[in-house]
C-alpha atoms as a PDB file:
ATOM      1  CA  UNK A   1      43.966 -12.809  15.355  1.00  0.00           C
ATOM      2  CA  UNK A   2      40.769 -11.197  13.984  1.00  0.00           C
ATOM      3  CA  UNK A   3      37.960 -13.573  13.129  1.00  0.00           C
ATOM      4  CA  UNK A   4      37.462 -14.297   9.471  1.00  0.00           C
ATOM      5  CA  UNK A   5      34.086 -13.928   7.749  1.00  0.00           C
ATOM      6  CA  UNK A   6      33.380 -17.663   7.935  1.00  0.00           C
ATOM      7  CA  UNK A   7      33.822 -17.718  11.713  1.00  0.00           C
ATOM      8  CA  UNK A   8      31.526 -14.723  12.170  1.00  0.00           C
ATOM      9  CA  UNK A   9      28.848 -16.347   9.996  1.00  0.00           C
ATOM     10  CA  UNK A  10      29.035 -19.551  12.029  1.00  0.00           C
ATOM     11  CA  UNK A  11      28.540 -17.635  15.263  1.00  0.00           C
ATOM     12  CA  UNK A  12      25.671 -15.493  13.924  1.00  0.00           C
ATOM     13  CA  UNK A  13      22.257 -16.775  15.014  1.00  0.00           C
ATOM     14  CA  UNK A  14      20.303 -18.426  12.226  1.00  0.00           C
ATOM     15  CA  UNK A  15      17.189 -16.650  10.990  1.00  0.00           C
ATOM     16  CA  UNK A  16      13.845 -18.359  11.399  1.00  0.00           C
ATOM     17  CA  UNK A  17      12.079 -19.346   8.160  1.00  0.00           C
ATOM     18  CA  UNK A  18       9.522 -16.557   8.644  1.00  0.00           C
ATOM     19  CA  UNK A  19      12.208 -13.957   9.325  1.00  0.00           C
ATOM     20  CA  UNK A  20      14.082 -15.152   6.242  1.00  0.00           C
ATOM     21  CA  UNK A  21      10.966 -14.859   4.080  1.00  0.00           C
ATOM     22  CA  UNK A  22      10.263 -11.391   5.431  1.00  0.00           C
ATOM     23  CA  UNK A  23      13.838 -10.270   4.751  1.00  0.00           C
ATOM     24  CA  UNK A  24      13.629 -11.529   1.171  1.00  0.00           C
ATOM     25  CA  UNK A  25      10.298  -9.770   0.629  1.00  0.00           C
ATOM     26  CA  UNK A  26      11.729  -6.523   2.021  1.00  0.00           C
ATOM     27  CA  UNK A  27      14.642  -6.746  -0.415  1.00  0.00           C
ATOM     28  CA  UNK A  28      12.421  -7.697  -3.362  1.00  0.00           C
ATOM     29  CA  UNK A  29       9.710  -5.028  -3.148  1.00  0.00           C
ATOM     30  CA  UNK A  30      11.921  -2.122  -4.362  1.00  0.00           C
ATOM     31  CA  UNK A  31      13.110  -4.325  -7.231  1.00  0.00           C
ATOM     32  CA  UNK A  32       9.495  -5.007  -8.247  1.00  0.00           C
ATOM     33  CA  UNK A  33       8.816  -1.282  -8.533  1.00  0.00           C
ATOM     34  CA  UNK A  34      11.865  -1.004 -10.778  1.00  0.00           C
ATOM     35  CA  UNK A  35      11.746  -4.192 -12.871  1.00  0.00           C
ATOM     36  CA  UNK A  36       8.259  -5.597 -12.377  1.00  0.00           C
ATOM     37  CA  UNK A  37       7.940  -9.351 -12.836  1.00  0.00           C
ATOM     38  CA  UNK A  38      11.135  -9.318 -14.914  1.00  0.00           C
ATOM     39  CA  UNK A  39      13.246  -9.080 -11.775  1.00  0.00           C
ATOM     40  CA  UNK A  40      15.594 -12.067 -11.548  1.00  0.00           C
ATOM     41  CA  UNK A  41      16.255 -14.270  -8.553  1.00  0.00           C
ATOM     42  CA  UNK A  42      19.906 -13.346  -8.957  1.00  0.00           C
ATOM     43  CA  UNK A  43      19.046  -9.672  -8.454  1.00  0.00           C
ATOM     44  CA  UNK A  44      16.869 -10.590  -5.483  1.00  0.00           C
ATOM     45  CA  UNK A  45      19.587 -12.677  -3.872  1.00  0.00           C
ATOM     46  CA  UNK A  46      22.147  -9.908  -4.320  1.00  0.00           C
ATOM     47  CA  UNK A  47      19.806  -7.310  -2.782  1.00  0.00           C
ATOM     48  CA  UNK A  48      19.025  -9.622   0.140  1.00  0.00           C
ATOM     49  CA  UNK A  49      22.672 -10.576   0.652  1.00  0.00           C
ATOM     50  CA  UNK A  50      21.999 -14.291   0.313  1.00  0.00           C
ATOM     51  CA  UNK A  51      22.762 -17.140  -2.038  1.00  0.00           C
ATOM     52  CA  UNK A  52      20.317 -17.529  -4.924  1.00  0.00           C
ATOM     53  CA  UNK A  53      19.383 -21.014  -3.744  1.00  0.00           C
ATOM     54  CA  UNK A  54      18.158 -19.553  -0.453  1.00  0.00           C
ATOM     55  CA  UNK A  55      15.377 -17.783  -2.345  1.00  0.00           C
ATOM     56  CA  UNK A  56      14.000 -21.133  -3.501  1.00  0.00           C
ATOM     57  CA  UNK A  57      14.292 -22.641  -0.043  1.00  0.00           C
ATOM     58  CA  UNK A  58      12.148 -19.827   1.324  1.00  0.00           C
ATOM     59  CA  UNK A  59       9.648 -19.701  -1.568  1.00  0.00           C
ATOM     60  CA  UNK A  60       8.355 -22.374  -3.918  1.00  0.00           C
ATOM     61  CA  UNK A  61       9.170 -20.234  -6.961  1.00  0.00           C
ATOM     62  CA  UNK A  62       9.534 -16.637  -8.068  1.00  0.00           C
ATOM     63  CA  UNK A  63       5.799 -16.294  -8.665  1.00  0.00           C
ATOM     64  CA  UNK A  64       5.035 -17.158  -5.057  1.00  0.00           C
ATOM     65  CA  UNK A  65       7.595 -14.580  -3.945  1.00  0.00           C
ATOM     66  CA  UNK A  66       6.075 -11.892  -6.168  1.00  0.00           C
ATOM     67  CA  UNK A  67       2.601 -12.812  -4.950  1.00  0.00           C
ATOM     68  CA  UNK A  68       3.773 -12.416  -1.342  1.00  0.00           C
ATOM     69  CA  UNK A  69       5.387  -9.080  -2.143  1.00  0.00           C
ATOM     70  CA  UNK A  70       2.188  -7.801  -3.752  1.00  0.00           C
ATOM     71  CA  UNK A  71       0.220  -8.692  -0.626  1.00  0.00           C
ATOM     72  CA  UNK A  72       2.838  -6.853   1.424  1.00  0.00           C
ATOM     73  CA  UNK A  73       2.568  -3.700  -0.696  1.00  0.00           C
ATOM     74  CA  UNK A  74      -1.247  -3.803  -0.596  1.00  0.00           C
ATOM     75  CA  UNK A  75      -1.301  -4.103   3.197  1.00  0.00           C
ATOM     76  CA  UNK A  76      -2.695  -0.980   4.874  1.00  0.00           C
ATOM     77  CA  UNK A  77      -1.392  -1.389   8.424  1.00  0.00           C
ATOM     78  CA  UNK A  78       0.674   1.811   8.283  1.00  0.00           C
ATOM     79  CA  UNK A  79      -2.249   3.761   6.785  1.00  0.00           C
ATOM     80  CA  UNK A  80      -4.605   2.532   9.502  1.00  0.00           C
ATOM     81  CA  UNK A  81      -2.101   3.559  12.170  1.00  0.00           C
ATOM     82  CA  UNK A  82      -1.859   6.995  10.558  1.00  0.00           C
ATOM     83  CA  UNK A  83      -5.665   7.293  10.544  1.00  0.00           C
ATOM     84  CA  UNK A  84      -5.744   6.431  14.252  1.00  0.00           C
ATOM     85  CA  UNK A  85      -3.276   9.247  14.871  1.00  0.00           C
ATOM     86  CA  UNK A  86      -5.464  11.588  12.795  1.00  0.00           C
ATOM     87  CA  UNK A  87      -8.127  11.401  15.512  1.00  0.00           C
ATOM     88  CA  UNK A  88      -5.904  13.680  17.586  1.00  0.00           C
ATOM     89  CA  UNK A  89      -6.406  16.603  15.175  1.00  0.00           C
ATOM     90  CA  UNK A  90      -8.569  19.320  16.719  1.00  0.00           C
ATOM     91  CA  UNK A  91     -10.881  19.950  13.745  1.00  0.00           C
ATOM     92  CA  UNK A  92     -12.756  17.744  11.291  1.00  0.00           C
ATOM     93  CA  UNK A  93     -11.061  19.494   8.365  1.00  0.00           C
ATOM     94  CA  UNK A  94      -7.617  18.604   9.697  1.00  0.00           C
ATOM     95  CA  UNK A  95      -8.625  15.021  10.450  1.00  0.00           C
ATOM     96  CA  UNK A  96      -9.909  14.582   6.907  1.00  0.00           C
ATOM     97  CA  UNK A  97      -6.786  16.192   5.463  1.00  0.00           C
ATOM     98  CA  UNK A  98      -4.709  13.568   7.281  1.00  0.00           C
ATOM     99  CA  UNK A  99      -6.996  10.861   5.905  1.00  0.00           C
ATOM    100  CA  UNK A 100      -6.676  12.110   2.327  1.00  0.00           C
ATOM    101  CA  UNK A 101      -2.878  12.145   2.575  1.00  0.00           C
ATOM    102  CA  UNK A 102      -2.836   8.552   3.844  1.00  0.00           C
ATOM    103  CA  UNK A 103      -5.257   7.230   1.227  1.00  0.00           C
ATOM    104  CA  UNK A 104      -3.604   9.117  -1.644  1.00  0.00           C
ATOM    105  CA  UNK A 105      -0.252   7.593  -0.751  1.00  0.00           C
ATOM    106  CA  UNK A 106      -1.781   4.119  -0.648  1.00  0.00           C
ATOM    107  CA  UNK A 107      -3.500   4.517  -4.013  1.00  0.00           C
ATOM    108  CA  UNK A 108      -0.339   5.840  -5.649  1.00  0.00           C
ATOM    109  CA  UNK A 109       1.693   2.940  -4.259  1.00  0.00           C
ATOM    110  CA  UNK A 110      -0.867   0.340  -5.320  1.00  0.00           C
ATOM    111  CA  UNK A 111      -1.394   1.724  -8.811  1.00  0.00           C
ATOM    112  CA  UNK A 112       2.331   2.144  -9.466  1.00  0.00           C
ATOM    113  CA  UNK A 113       3.101  -1.452  -8.552  1.00  0.00           C
ATOM    114  CA  UNK A 114       0.145  -2.841 -10.492  1.00  0.00           C
ATOM    115  CA  UNK A 115       1.150  -0.809 -13.555  1.00  0.00           C
ATOM    116  CA  UNK A 116       4.763  -2.009 -13.469  1.00  0.00           C
ATOM    117  CA  UNK A 117       3.719  -5.624 -12.976  1.00  0.00           C
ATOM    118  CA  UNK A 118       1.113  -5.459 -15.722  1.00  0.00           C
ATOM    119  CA  UNK A 119       3.604  -3.926 -18.172  1.00  0.00           C
ATOM    120  CA  UNK A 120       6.030  -6.762 -17.405  1.00  0.00           C
ATOM    121  CA  UNK A 121       3.381  -9.384 -18.217  1.00  0.00           C
ATOM    122  CA  UNK A 122       2.485 -10.436 -14.678  1.00  0.00           C
ATOM    123  CA  UNK A 123      -0.979 -11.955 -14.220  1.00  0.00           C
ATOM    124  CA  UNK A 124      -1.936 -12.001 -10.500  1.00  0.00           C
ATOM    125  CA  UNK A 125      -4.519 -14.718 -11.150  1.00  0.00           C
ATOM    126  CA  UNK A 126      -2.169 -17.128 -12.894  1.00  0.00           C
ATOM    127  CA  UNK A 127      -1.568 -20.104 -10.652  1.00  0.00           C
ATOM    128  CA  UNK A 128      -3.548 -18.750  -7.707  1.00  0.00           C
ATOM    129  CA  UNK A 129      -7.096 -18.827  -6.432  1.00  0.00           C
ATOM    130  CA  UNK A 130      -8.912 -16.138  -8.446  1.00  0.00           C
ATOM    131  CA  UNK A 131     -11.720 -15.756  -5.921  1.00  0.00           C
ATOM    132  CA  UNK A 132      -9.276 -15.198  -3.100  1.00  0.00           C
ATOM    133  CA  UNK A 133      -7.291 -12.710  -5.198  1.00  0.00           C
ATOM    134  CA  UNK A 134     -10.322 -10.530  -5.752  1.00  0.00           C
ATOM    135  CA  UNK A 135     -10.766 -10.190  -1.994  1.00  0.00           C
ATOM    136  CA  UNK A 136      -7.433  -8.334  -1.656  1.00  0.00           C
ATOM    137  CA  UNK A 137      -7.572  -4.584  -2.291  1.00  0.00           C
ATOM    138  CA  UNK A 138     -11.393  -4.264  -1.783  1.00  0.00           C
ATOM    139  CA  UNK A 139     -11.058  -5.676   1.755  1.00  0.00           C
ATOM    140  CA  UNK A 140      -8.182  -3.317   2.499  1.00  0.00           C
ATOM    141  CA  UNK A 141     -10.159  -0.356   1.163  1.00  0.00           C
ATOM    142  CA  UNK A 142     -13.092  -1.388   3.333  1.00  0.00           C
ATOM    143  CA  UNK A 143     -10.814  -1.267   6.383  1.00  0.00           C
ATOM    144  CA  UNK A 144      -9.644   2.201   5.346  1.00  0.00           C
ATOM    145  CA  UNK A 145     -13.239   3.369   4.849  1.00  0.00           C
ATOM    146  CA  UNK A 146     -14.192   2.198   8.345  1.00  0.00           C
ATOM    147  CA  UNK A 147     -11.287   4.102   9.869  1.00  0.00           C
ATOM    148  CA  UNK A 148     -12.103   7.248   7.888  1.00  0.00           C
ATOM    149  CA  UNK A 149     -15.726   7.022   9.039  1.00  0.00           C
ATOM    150  CA  UNK A 150     -14.460   6.958  12.633  1.00  0.00           C
ATOM    151  CA  UNK A 151     -12.901  10.401  12.092  1.00  0.00           C
ATOM    152  CA  UNK A 152     -16.358  11.955  12.055  1.00  0.00           C
ATOM    153  CA  UNK A 153     -17.238  12.772  15.653  1.00  0.00           C
ATOM    154  CA  UNK A 154     -20.603  13.103  17.418  1.00  0.00           C
ATOM    155  CA  UNK A 155     -20.251  16.894  17.385  1.00  0.00           C
ATOM    156  CA  UNK A 156     -19.916  17.051  13.601  1.00  0.00           C
ATOM    157  CA  UNK A 157     -23.223  18.170  12.095  1.00  0.00           C
ATOM    158  CA  UNK A 158     -23.473  15.564   9.335  1.00  0.00           C
ATOM    159  CA  UNK A 159     -26.339  15.322   6.855  1.00  0.00           C
ATOM    160  CA  UNK A 160     -25.529  11.665   6.132  1.00  0.00           C
ATOM    161  CA  UNK A 161     -24.243   8.613   7.985  1.00  0.00           C
ATOM    162  CA  UNK A 162     -20.470   8.680   8.703  1.00  0.00           C
ATOM    163  CA  UNK A 163     -19.934   5.538   6.608  1.00  0.00           C
ATOM    164  CA  UNK A 164     -21.563   7.192   3.589  1.00  0.00           C
ATOM    165  CA  UNK A 165     -19.600  10.394   4.180  1.00  0.00           C
ATOM    166  CA  UNK A 166     -16.380   8.374   4.300  1.00  0.00           C
ATOM    167  CA  UNK A 167     -17.272   6.556   1.068  1.00  0.00           C
ATOM    168  CA  UNK A 168     -18.035   9.825  -0.708  1.00  0.00           C
ATOM    169  CA  UNK A 169     -14.779  11.373   0.484  1.00  0.00           C
ATOM    170  CA  UNK A 170     -12.766   8.377  -0.710  1.00  0.00           C
ATOM    171  CA  UNK A 171     -14.566   8.559  -4.049  1.00  0.00           C
ATOM    172  CA  UNK A 172     -13.276  12.124  -4.422  1.00  0.00           C
ATOM    173  CA  UNK A 173      -9.787  11.033  -3.432  1.00  0.00           C
ATOM    174  CA  UNK A 174      -9.876   8.174  -5.944  1.00  0.00           C
ATOM    175  CA  UNK A 175     -10.991  10.434  -8.794  1.00  0.00           C
ATOM    176  CA  UNK A 176      -8.490  13.111  -7.775  1.00  0.00           C
ATOM    177  CA  UNK A 177      -5.614  10.630  -8.173  1.00  0.00           C
ATOM    178  CA  UNK A 178      -6.770   9.536 -11.645  1.00  0.00           C
ATOM    179  CA  UNK A 179      -4.877  11.586 -14.211  1.00  0.00           C
ATOM    180  CA  UNK A 180      -5.081  11.281 -17.961  1.00  0.00           C
ATOM    181  CA  UNK A 181      -7.187   8.594 -19.688  1.00  0.00           C
ATOM    182  CA  UNK A 182     -10.113  10.995 -19.930  1.00  0.00           C
ATOM    183  CA  UNK A 183      -9.615  12.477 -16.455  1.00  0.00           C
ATOM    184  CA  UNK A 184      -8.349  15.964 -15.710  1.00  0.00           C
ATOM    185  CA  UNK A 185      -4.606  16.557 -15.453  1.00  0.00           C
ATOM    186  CA  UNK A 186      -5.277  19.016 -12.620  1.00  0.00           C
ATOM    187  CA  UNK A 187      -5.410  17.670  -9.062  1.00  0.00           C
ATOM    188  CA  UNK A 188      -6.367  19.232  -5.761  1.00  0.00           C
ATOM    189  CA  UNK A 189      -4.159  19.004  -2.699  1.00  0.00           C
ATOM    190  CA  UNK A 190      -5.500  17.535   0.546  1.00  0.00           C
ATOM    191  CA  UNK A 191      -6.683  20.826   2.022  1.00  0.00           C
ATOM    192  CA  UNK A 192      -8.416  21.856  -1.215  1.00  0.00           C
ATOM    193  CA  UNK A 193     -10.168  18.515  -1.425  1.00  0.00           C
ATOM    194  CA  UNK A 194     -11.410  18.828   2.158  1.00  0.00           C
ATOM    195  CA  UNK A 195     -12.708  22.325   1.443  1.00  0.00           C
ATOM    196  CA  UNK A 196     -14.573  21.087  -1.639  1.00  0.00           C
ATOM    197  CA  UNK A 197     -15.934  18.067   0.219  1.00  0.00           C
ATOM    198  CA  UNK A 198     -17.212  20.046   3.191  1.00  0.00           C
ATOM    199  CA  UNK A 199     -18.406  23.211   1.395  1.00  0.00           C
ATOM    200  CA  UNK A 200     -18.811  22.423  -2.290  1.00  0.00           C
ATOM    201  CA  UNK A 201     -17.518  24.274  -5.333  1.00  0.00           C
ATOM    202  CA  UNK A 202     -19.736  27.366  -5.040  1.00  0.00           C
ATOM    203  CA  UNK A 203     -18.519  30.515  -3.354  1.00  0.00           C
ATOM    204  CA  UNK A 204     -20.440  31.653  -0.309  1.00  0.00           C
ATOM    205  CA  UNK A 205     -22.804  34.559  -0.972  1.00  0.00           C
END
């Protein structure tokens, strides 16, 4: 006779607490982008394929879960890996184009989540260490800046230090992603931004 669902569950290896937390976070992140802090633990449990009580065994409360998800979204591990791969590009312009694509995606992801959470009334500092909170995105951006600076090679004829060049490039990327609220509605693509960064806005004589 075929095994019933209960028998299969009993034979399935139990997940470790860390694996369980990670699985819940993975299921919750898309719901945060859709519902913000208004997402319910019932929705989370359904998405994760678990009982609702399991959520509270893995996390103290919903706020701790959201806080963990935010840290997950703000992590830049994939962007840093992409920037390492960008070193393989044969020209500085192509390396910087890769960098702009990675950073633009990160900024869009971060801003979208923060906007949804803010609109749903979420305060990231409520119930957590404010000083520690403020060390989040700036530290991640510092890591990105260091990796972008490493894309400038010894053969590149720079007028400034690579770290300053990286900071200036990221400043352009940041401004380029800001639309509305007094900023232009027109944005440059990665290649255009590299061209402007390396050669300015004036045509060559």
